[in-house]
Amino acid sequence: MALTKLNFGGSGQGAVSTPSGGIVQTVQGIGSAQLSQTGETSTYADAVSLTITPTSASNKILIIGHINILLYASVRVDATVQLGRDSSTVLQQNTIYNLHGSGTLYPYTAQNYPFHYLDDAYNTTNQLTYRIKFIQGTSSGTVYHCHANSLGNSRLIAQEIKV
């Protein structure tokens, strides 16, 4: 029986190419830092990030991820969570609220908030950085990025999809 040598990424006999819609590469980031914000701030905290370099400018990047966040307040606290590309492009955003009346028991709201986004990578083969980040909006409580608890770590996965 004859053996065929597979040539990954090349050409000629035995070459294997990724079909349209196939996954070219996968990169994962895990957010393991315990972060918190108390009081209103204008600075987002990065919960998890990753970088990926597309192999073709026409390919798309599929982003799948989630942030584990805990809101703790005596009256009210909210947090804005965001999926972004590079330093300033916001791809998805949502605000999470924890409302509570007065009293001595300060309840908390724990969220595992998901993100799903298909990015066209704006026609580049330059390195792209994706981030999930958060910011506290109101000043009466504390927002925590949680890890190693019942929620687990925040994660971010980027897959380059061939077009």
N, C-alpha and C. Protein backbone atom coordinates (compact mmCIF):
# COMPACT_ATOMS: atom_id res chain seq x y z
N MET A 1 0.84 -1.16 0.00
CA MET A 1 0.00 0.00 0.00
C MET A 1 0.89 1.24 0.00
N ALA A 2 0.61 2.18 -0.90
CA ALA A 2 1.38 3.40 -1.01
C ALA A 2 0.97 4.40 0.06
N LEU A 3 1.93 5.12 0.59
CA LEU A 3 1.67 6.17 1.58
C LEU A 3 1.66 7.52 0.89
N THR A 4 0.78 8.38 1.33
CA THR A 4 0.70 9.73 0.80
C THR A 4 1.10 10.71 1.88
N LYS A 5 2.02 11.57 1.55
CA LYS A 5 2.45 12.60 2.49
C LYS A 5 1.47 13.76 2.41
N LEU A 6 0.92 14.18 3.55
CA LEU A 6 0.02 15.32 3.59
C LEU A 6 0.83 16.59 3.73
N ASN A 7 0.48 17.58 2.94
CA ASN A 7 1.18 18.86 2.93
C ASN A 7 0.22 19.92 3.45
N PHE A 8 0.26 20.22 4.72
CA PHE A 8 -0.63 21.21 5.32
C PHE A 8 -0.16 22.62 4.98
N GLY A 9 -1.04 23.38 4.36
CA GLY A 9 -0.73 24.77 4.05
C GLY A 9 0.08 24.94 2.78
N GLY A 10 0.39 23.89 2.07
CA GLY A 10 1.18 24.00 0.85
C GLY A 10 0.35 23.72 -0.37
N SER A 11 1.03 23.30 -1.44
CA SER A 11 0.33 22.94 -2.67
C SER A 11 0.94 21.65 -3.20
N GLY A 12 0.32 21.10 -4.19
CA GLY A 12 0.82 19.87 -4.79
C GLY A 12 0.10 18.66 -4.25
N GLN A 13 0.64 17.46 -4.57
CA GLN A 13 0.00 16.21 -4.16
C GLN A 13 -0.09 16.13 -2.63
N GLY A 14 -1.28 15.81 -2.14
CA GLY A 14 -1.50 15.65 -0.71
C GLY A 14 -1.77 16.95 0.03
N ALA A 15 -1.81 18.07 -0.69
CA ALA A 15 -2.06 19.35 -0.03
C ALA A 15 -3.48 19.38 0.54
N VAL A 16 -3.63 19.92 1.73
CA VAL A 16 -4.92 20.03 2.38
C VAL A 16 -5.26 21.52 2.49
N SER A 17 -6.41 21.92 1.99
CA SER A 17 -6.81 23.31 2.10
C SER A 17 -8.10 23.40 2.92
N THR A 18 -8.30 24.54 3.54
CA THR A 18 -9.50 24.75 4.34
C THR A 18 -10.63 25.17 3.41
N PRO A 19 -11.75 24.46 3.45
CA PRO A 19 -12.88 24.85 2.60
C PRO A 19 -13.54 26.12 3.09
N SER A 20 -14.30 26.77 2.24
CA SER A 20 -15.05 27.97 2.62
C SER A 20 -15.96 27.63 3.80
N GLY A 21 -15.95 28.45 4.83
CA GLY A 21 -16.71 28.20 6.05
C GLY A 21 -15.96 27.39 7.08
N GLY A 22 -14.77 26.90 6.72
CA GLY A 22 -13.96 26.10 7.65
C GLY A 22 -13.15 26.98 8.60
N ILE A 23 -12.71 26.39 9.68
CA ILE A 23 -11.93 27.09 10.69
C ILE A 23 -10.46 27.02 10.32
N VAL A 24 -9.84 28.19 10.20
CA VAL A 24 -8.43 28.29 9.86
C VAL A 24 -7.57 28.20 11.12
N GLN A 25 -7.97 28.91 12.17
CA GLN A 25 -7.23 28.91 13.43
C GLN A 25 -8.16 29.28 14.58
N THR A 26 -7.78 28.86 15.79
CA THR A 26 -8.53 29.16 17.01
C THR A 26 -7.56 29.66 18.07
N VAL A 27 -7.95 30.74 18.75
CA VAL A 27 -7.16 31.31 19.83
C VAL A 27 -8.08 31.49 21.03
N GLN A 28 -7.56 31.20 22.25
CA GLN A 28 -8.38 31.33 23.45
C GLN A 28 -7.68 32.22 24.48
N GLY A 29 -8.49 33.03 25.19
CA GLY A 29 -7.99 33.81 26.31
C GLY A 29 -8.82 33.47 27.54
N ILE A 30 -8.18 33.42 28.70
CA ILE A 30 -8.86 33.12 29.96
C ILE A 30 -8.59 34.28 30.92
N GLY A 31 -9.68 34.83 31.47
CA GLY A 31 -9.56 35.93 32.42
C GLY A 31 -9.46 35.40 33.82
N SER A 32 -8.28 35.44 34.40
CA SER A 32 -8.09 34.86 35.72
C SER A 32 -7.78 35.90 36.79
N ALA A 33 -7.84 37.17 36.44
CA ALA A 33 -7.55 38.21 37.42
C ALA A 33 -8.80 38.57 38.21
N GLN A 34 -8.66 38.70 39.52
CA GLN A 34 -9.74 39.18 40.37
C GLN A 34 -9.68 40.70 40.35
N LEU A 35 -10.71 41.34 39.79
CA LEU A 35 -10.73 42.79 39.64
C LEU A 35 -11.97 43.35 40.32
N SER A 36 -11.90 44.59 40.76
CA SER A 36 -13.09 45.23 41.32
C SER A 36 -13.04 46.73 41.06
N GLN A 37 -14.23 47.32 41.02
CA GLN A 37 -14.37 48.76 40.91
C GLN A 37 -15.40 49.21 41.94
N THR A 38 -15.06 50.23 42.71
CA THR A 38 -15.99 50.82 43.66
C THR A 38 -16.09 52.30 43.34
N GLY A 39 -17.31 52.76 43.15
CA GLY A 39 -17.52 54.15 42.78
C GLY A 39 -17.46 54.34 41.28
N GLU A 40 -18.08 55.41 40.83
CA GLU A 40 -18.10 55.68 39.39
C GLU A 40 -16.70 55.93 38.89
N THR A 41 -16.42 55.44 37.72
CA THR A 41 -15.11 55.60 37.11
C THR A 41 -15.28 55.80 35.61
N SER A 42 -14.27 56.29 34.96
CA SER A 42 -14.31 56.46 33.51
C SER A 42 -13.39 55.48 32.81
N THR A 43 -12.82 54.55 33.56
CA THR A 43 -11.86 53.61 33.01
C THR A 43 -12.42 52.20 33.02
N TYR A 44 -12.44 51.56 31.86
CA TYR A 44 -12.86 50.16 31.76
C TYR A 44 -11.74 49.25 32.26
N ALA A 45 -12.12 48.16 32.90
CA ALA A 45 -11.16 47.14 33.34
C ALA A 45 -11.26 45.96 32.40
N ASP A 46 -10.14 45.48 31.90
CA ASP A 46 -10.11 44.32 31.01
C ASP A 46 -10.29 43.04 31.82
N ALA A 47 -11.35 42.30 31.53
CA ALA A 47 -11.58 41.02 32.19
C ALA A 47 -10.82 39.91 31.49
N VAL A 48 -10.80 39.95 30.16
CA VAL A 48 -10.10 38.93 29.37
C VAL A 48 -9.80 39.51 28.00
N SER A 49 -8.66 39.13 27.42
CA SER A 49 -8.31 39.60 26.09
C SER A 49 -7.52 38.52 25.36
N LEU A 50 -7.44 38.68 24.04
CA LEU A 50 -6.63 37.79 23.22
C LEU A 50 -6.25 38.51 21.95
N THR A 51 -5.24 38.00 21.26
CA THR A 51 -4.85 38.54 19.96
C THR A 51 -4.88 37.42 18.93
N ILE A 52 -5.24 37.78 17.71
CA ILE A 52 -5.27 36.85 16.59
C ILE A 52 -4.82 37.61 15.35
N THR A 53 -4.08 36.94 14.49
CA THR A 53 -3.62 37.54 13.23
C THR A 53 -4.26 36.78 12.09
N PRO A 54 -5.22 37.40 11.38
CA PRO A 54 -5.87 36.71 10.26
C PRO A 54 -4.87 36.34 9.17
N THR A 55 -5.06 35.18 8.55
CA THR A 55 -4.18 34.74 7.47
C THR A 55 -4.61 35.30 6.12
N SER A 56 -5.85 35.78 6.03
CA SER A 56 -6.36 36.37 4.80
C SER A 56 -7.24 37.56 5.15
N ALA A 57 -7.13 38.64 4.38
CA ALA A 57 -7.91 39.84 4.64
C ALA A 57 -9.40 39.64 4.38
N SER A 58 -9.76 38.61 3.64
CA SER A 58 -11.18 38.38 3.34
C SER A 58 -11.87 37.48 4.37
N ASN A 59 -11.11 36.85 5.24
CA ASN A 59 -11.70 35.95 6.23
C ASN A 59 -12.42 36.72 7.33
N LYS A 60 -13.27 36.02 8.06
CA LYS A 60 -14.02 36.60 9.18
C LYS A 60 -13.51 36.00 10.49
N ILE A 61 -13.75 36.71 11.58
CA ILE A 61 -13.36 36.24 12.91
C ILE A 61 -14.62 36.03 13.73
N LEU A 62 -14.84 34.80 14.18
CA LEU A 62 -15.97 34.48 15.06
C LEU A 62 -15.51 34.62 16.50
N ILE A 63 -16.19 35.48 17.27
CA ILE A 63 -15.84 35.72 18.66
C ILE A 63 -16.93 35.10 19.54
N ILE A 64 -16.52 34.26 20.47
CA ILE A 64 -17.41 33.63 21.45
C ILE A 64 -16.77 33.84 22.81
N GLY A 65 -17.53 34.36 23.76
CA GLY A 65 -16.94 34.57 25.07
C GLY A 65 -17.99 34.89 26.10
N HIS A 66 -17.54 35.02 27.34
CA HIS A 66 -18.42 35.43 28.43
C HIS A 66 -17.60 36.07 29.54
N ILE A 67 -18.28 36.93 30.30
CA ILE A 67 -17.67 37.56 31.47
C ILE A 67 -18.46 37.13 32.70
N ASN A 68 -17.74 36.79 33.75
CA ASN A 68 -18.36 36.49 35.04
C ASN A 68 -18.23 37.75 35.89
N ILE A 69 -19.38 38.27 36.28
CA ILE A 69 -19.37 39.55 36.99
C ILE A 69 -20.34 39.49 38.17
N LEU A 70 -19.99 40.16 39.24
CA LEU A 70 -20.81 40.18 40.44
C LEU A 70 -21.04 41.63 40.83
N LEU A 71 -22.30 42.00 41.06
CA LEU A 71 -22.66 43.36 41.46
C LEU A 71 -23.16 43.31 42.90
N TYR A 72 -22.57 44.12 43.79
CA TYR A 72 -22.89 44.10 45.21
C TYR A 72 -23.22 45.53 45.63
N ALA A 73 -24.40 45.73 46.21
CA ALA A 73 -24.80 47.10 46.55
C ALA A 73 -25.80 47.13 47.68
N SER A 74 -25.79 48.25 48.43
CA SER A 74 -26.79 48.47 49.46
C SER A 74 -28.05 49.09 48.86
N VAL A 75 -27.91 49.82 47.77
CA VAL A 75 -29.06 50.46 47.14
C VAL A 75 -29.12 50.08 45.66
N ARG A 76 -28.11 50.45 44.92
CA ARG A 76 -28.11 50.17 43.49
C ARG A 76 -26.68 50.20 42.96
N VAL A 77 -26.40 49.33 42.03
CA VAL A 77 -25.14 49.37 41.30
C VAL A 77 -25.41 48.81 39.91
N ASP A 78 -24.73 49.36 38.94
CA ASP A 78 -24.82 48.79 37.60
C ASP A 78 -23.42 48.70 37.00
N ALA A 79 -23.30 47.84 36.01
CA ALA A 79 -22.04 47.67 35.31
C ALA A 79 -22.33 47.56 33.83
N THR A 80 -21.50 48.20 33.04
CA THR A 80 -21.58 48.06 31.59
C THR A 80 -20.49 47.08 31.19
N VAL A 81 -20.89 46.04 30.45
CA VAL A 81 -19.94 45.05 29.94
C VAL A 81 -19.85 45.24 28.43
N GLN A 82 -18.65 45.03 27.90
CA GLN A 82 -18.40 45.37 26.50
C GLN A 82 -17.48 44.35 25.85
N LEU A 83 -17.79 44.02 24.59
CA LEU A 83 -16.87 43.27 23.73
C LEU A 83 -16.32 44.28 22.74
N GLY A 84 -15.00 44.37 22.64
CA GLY A 84 -14.40 45.34 21.74
C GLY A 84 -13.24 44.78 20.97
N ARG A 85 -12.91 45.49 19.88
CA ARG A 85 -11.76 45.13 19.04
C ARG A 85 -10.75 46.26 19.13
N ASP A 86 -9.50 45.91 19.30
CA ASP A 86 -8.40 46.86 19.41
C ASP A 86 -8.69 47.84 20.55
N SER A 87 -8.29 49.08 20.45
CA SER A 87 -8.43 49.95 21.62
C SER A 87 -9.75 50.71 21.69
N SER A 88 -10.47 50.86 20.56
CA SER A 88 -11.62 51.75 20.63
C SER A 88 -12.90 51.26 19.95
N THR A 89 -12.88 50.15 19.24
CA THR A 89 -14.07 49.69 18.53
C THR A 89 -14.94 48.83 19.43
N VAL A 90 -16.16 49.29 19.72
CA VAL A 90 -17.11 48.53 20.53
C VAL A 90 -17.95 47.67 19.58
N LEU A 91 -17.95 46.35 19.80
CA LEU A 91 -18.71 45.44 18.97
C LEU A 91 -20.08 45.12 19.58
N GLN A 92 -20.11 44.91 20.90
CA GLN A 92 -21.36 44.66 21.63
C GLN A 92 -21.23 45.28 23.02
N GLN A 93 -22.38 45.68 23.57
CA GLN A 93 -22.38 46.30 24.90
C GLN A 93 -23.72 46.07 25.58
N ASN A 94 -23.69 45.90 26.90
CA ASN A 94 -24.92 45.77 27.67
C ASN A 94 -24.68 46.28 29.09
N THR A 95 -25.73 46.79 29.72
CA THR A 95 -25.65 47.24 31.11
C THR A 95 -26.45 46.28 31.98
N ILE A 96 -25.84 45.86 33.09
CA ILE A 96 -26.45 44.93 34.04
C ILE A 96 -26.74 45.72 35.31
N TYR A 97 -27.92 45.50 35.91
CA TYR A 97 -28.35 46.27 37.08
C TYR A 97 -28.56 45.36 38.29
N ASN A 98 -28.24 45.89 39.48
CA ASN A 98 -28.59 45.27 40.74
C ASN A 98 -29.30 46.35 41.55
N LEU A 99 -30.60 46.21 41.71
CA LEU A 99 -31.39 47.20 42.43
C LEU A 99 -31.80 46.62 43.78
N HIS A 100 -31.78 47.45 44.82
CA HIS A 100 -32.12 46.98 46.16
C HIS A 100 -32.61 48.16 46.99
N GLY A 101 -33.65 47.94 47.77
CA GLY A 101 -34.14 48.97 48.68
C GLY A 101 -33.23 49.09 49.89
N SER A 102 -33.55 50.00 50.77
CA SER A 102 -32.72 50.20 51.95
C SER A 102 -32.86 49.02 52.90
N GLY A 103 -31.86 48.83 53.71
CA GLY A 103 -31.86 47.74 54.68
C GLY A 103 -30.44 47.34 55.01
N THR A 104 -30.29 46.36 55.88
CA THR A 104 -28.95 45.94 56.27
C THR A 104 -28.41 44.80 55.43
N LEU A 105 -29.28 44.07 54.75
CA LEU A 105 -28.83 42.97 53.90
C LEU A 105 -28.50 43.52 52.52
N TYR A 106 -27.28 43.37 52.10
CA TYR A 106 -26.86 43.86 50.79
C TYR A 106 -26.79 42.69 49.82
N PRO A 107 -27.78 42.55 48.98
CA PRO A 107 -27.77 41.42 48.06
C PRO A 107 -26.80 41.64 46.91
N TYR A 108 -26.47 40.57 46.24
CA TYR A 108 -25.60 40.67 45.09
C TYR A 108 -26.27 39.99 43.90
N THR A 109 -25.86 40.40 42.73
CA THR A 109 -26.31 39.79 41.49
C THR A 109 -25.09 39.23 40.80
N ALA A 110 -25.07 37.93 40.55
CA ALA A 110 -23.98 37.29 39.83
C ALA A 110 -24.45 36.98 38.42
N GLN A 111 -23.66 37.35 37.45
CA GLN A 111 -24.01 37.15 36.05
C GLN A 111 -22.87 36.45 35.32
N ASN A 112 -23.23 35.56 34.43
CA ASN A 112 -22.30 35.00 33.46
C ASN A 112 -22.82 35.50 32.12
N TYR A 113 -22.33 36.65 31.67
CA TYR A 113 -22.90 37.33 30.51
C TYR A 113 -22.17 36.90 29.23
N PRO A 114 -22.91 36.37 28.23
CA PRO A 114 -22.27 35.87 27.00
C PRO A 114 -22.12 36.93 25.91
N PHE A 115 -21.15 36.72 25.06
CA PHE A 115 -20.95 37.51 23.85
C PHE A 115 -20.76 36.57 22.66
N HIS A 116 -21.38 36.91 21.53
CA HIS A 116 -21.22 36.17 20.27
C HIS A 116 -21.17 37.21 19.16
N TYR A 117 -20.15 37.17 18.32
CA TYR A 117 -20.03 38.20 17.28
C TYR A 117 -19.22 37.65 16.11
N LEU A 118 -19.71 37.90 14.90
CA LEU A 118 -18.98 37.54 13.68
C LEU A 118 -18.41 38.83 13.10
N ASP A 119 -17.09 38.97 13.18
CA ASP A 119 -16.41 40.20 12.77
C ASP A 119 -15.79 40.01 11.40
N ASP A 120 -15.95 41.00 10.53
CA ASP A 120 -15.35 40.90 9.20
C ASP A 120 -13.86 41.25 9.22
N ALA A 121 -13.34 41.62 10.37
CA ALA A 121 -11.92 41.92 10.58
C ALA A 121 -11.44 43.08 9.71
N TYR A 122 -12.34 43.82 9.19
CA TYR A 122 -12.12 45.01 8.35
C TYR A 122 -10.93 44.91 7.41
N ASN A 123 -10.90 43.80 6.65
CA ASN A 123 -9.95 43.60 5.55
C ASN A 123 -8.49 43.81 5.94
N THR A 124 -8.03 43.05 6.90
CA THR A 124 -6.65 43.19 7.34
C THR A 124 -6.04 41.83 7.65
N THR A 125 -4.73 41.78 7.55
CA THR A 125 -3.98 40.63 8.06
C THR A 125 -3.09 41.08 9.20
N ASN A 126 -3.37 42.26 9.74
CA ASN A 126 -2.66 42.74 10.92
C ASN A 126 -3.23 42.08 12.18
N GLN A 127 -2.43 42.04 13.22
CA GLN A 127 -2.86 41.48 14.50
C GLN A 127 -4.06 42.25 15.03
N LEU A 128 -5.07 41.52 15.51
CA LEU A 128 -6.27 42.10 16.11
C LEU A 128 -6.32 41.70 17.58
N THR A 129 -6.71 42.63 18.43
CA THR A 129 -6.87 42.33 19.86
C THR A 129 -8.34 42.49 20.21
N TYR A 130 -8.91 41.45 20.80
CA TYR A 130 -10.30 41.48 21.26
C TYR A 130 -10.29 41.47 22.77
N ARG A 131 -11.23 42.21 23.37
CA ARG A 131 -11.31 42.33 24.83
C ARG A 131 -12.75 42.26 25.29
N ILE A 132 -12.95 41.65 26.44
CA ILE A 132 -14.20 41.81 27.19
C ILE A 132 -13.81 42.63 28.41
N LYS A 133 -14.53 43.74 28.61
CA LYS A 133 -14.18 44.63 29.71
C LYS A 133 -15.45 45.13 30.39
N PHE A 134 -15.27 45.76 31.55
CA PHE A 134 -16.42 46.25 32.32
C PHE A 134 -16.07 47.57 32.98
N ILE A 135 -17.15 48.29 33.33
CA ILE A 135 -17.00 49.55 34.06
C ILE A 135 -18.20 49.69 34.99
N GLN A 136 -17.98 50.23 36.17
CA GLN A 136 -19.09 50.50 37.10
C GLN A 136 -19.74 51.82 36.74
N GLY A 137 -21.08 51.83 36.77
CA GLY A 137 -21.80 53.04 36.39
C GLY A 137 -22.28 53.88 37.55
N THR A 138 -22.72 53.27 38.64
CA THR A 138 -23.23 54.03 39.79
C THR A 138 -22.28 53.85 40.96
N SER A 139 -22.40 54.72 41.93
CA SER A 139 -21.38 54.78 42.97
C SER A 139 -21.75 54.11 44.29
N SER A 140 -22.91 53.48 44.41
CA SER A 140 -23.32 52.98 45.72
C SER A 140 -22.83 51.57 46.04
N GLY A 141 -22.19 50.90 45.13
CA GLY A 141 -21.79 49.53 45.39
C GLY A 141 -20.43 49.22 44.80
N THR A 142 -20.20 47.93 44.58
CA THR A 142 -18.94 47.46 44.03
C THR A 142 -19.23 46.45 42.93
N VAL A 143 -18.43 46.49 41.87
CA VAL A 143 -18.52 45.52 40.78
C VAL A 143 -17.25 44.69 40.80
N TYR A 144 -17.42 43.37 40.75
CA TYR A 144 -16.29 42.46 40.79
C TYR A 144 -16.25 41.61 39.52
N HIS A 145 -15.05 41.46 38.96
CA HIS A 145 -14.83 40.44 37.94
C HIS A 145 -14.37 39.21 38.70
N CYS A 146 -15.14 38.14 38.59
CA CYS A 146 -14.92 36.98 39.44
C CYS A 146 -14.18 35.88 38.70
N HIS A 147 -13.43 35.13 39.46
CA HIS A 147 -12.81 33.91 38.94
C HIS A 147 -12.62 32.95 40.10
N ALA A 148 -12.42 31.72 39.76
CA ALA A 148 -12.18 30.68 40.77
C ALA A 148 -13.28 30.64 41.82
N ASN A 149 -14.50 30.88 41.39
CA ASN A 149 -15.64 30.76 42.29
C ASN A 149 -16.67 29.89 41.59
N SER A 150 -17.89 29.95 42.01
CA SER A 150 -18.91 29.11 41.39
C SER A 150 -19.18 29.48 39.94
N LEU A 151 -18.81 30.69 39.53
CA LEU A 151 -19.01 31.10 38.14
C LEU A 151 -17.88 30.66 37.22
N GLY A 152 -16.69 30.45 37.74
CA GLY A 152 -15.55 30.08 36.91
C GLY A 152 -14.89 31.29 36.29
N ASN A 153 -13.95 31.04 35.38
CA ASN A 153 -13.20 32.11 34.72
C ASN A 153 -13.97 32.68 33.54
N SER A 154 -13.73 33.95 33.25
CA SER A 154 -14.23 34.54 32.02
C SER A 154 -13.38 34.00 30.87
N ARG A 155 -13.99 33.82 29.70
CA ARG A 155 -13.27 33.26 28.56
C ARG A 155 -13.59 34.02 27.30
N LEU A 156 -12.66 33.94 26.36
CA LEU A 156 -12.83 34.55 25.05
C LEU A 156 -12.16 33.63 24.03
N ILE A 157 -12.89 33.30 22.97
CA ILE A 157 -12.38 32.43 21.91
C ILE A 157 -12.56 33.17 20.59
N ALA A 158 -11.52 33.18 19.77
CA ALA A 158 -11.57 33.77 18.43
C ALA A 158 -11.24 32.67 17.43
N GLN A 159 -12.08 32.51 16.42
CA GLN A 159 -11.84 31.53 15.36
C GLN A 159 -11.84 32.26 14.03
N GLU A 160 -10.79 32.09 13.25
CA GLU A 160 -10.75 32.65 11.90
C GLU A 160 -11.51 31.70 10.98
N ILE A 161 -12.50 32.24 10.26
CA ILE A 161 -13.35 31.46 9.37
C ILE A 161 -13.01 31.83 7.93
N LYS A 162 -12.71 30.82 7.11
CA LYS A 162 -12.38 31.07 5.72
C LYS A 162 -13.62 31.45 4.93
N VAL A 163 -13.47 32.50 4.12
CA VAL A 163 -14.57 32.95 3.27
C VAL A 163 -14.36 32.42 1.87
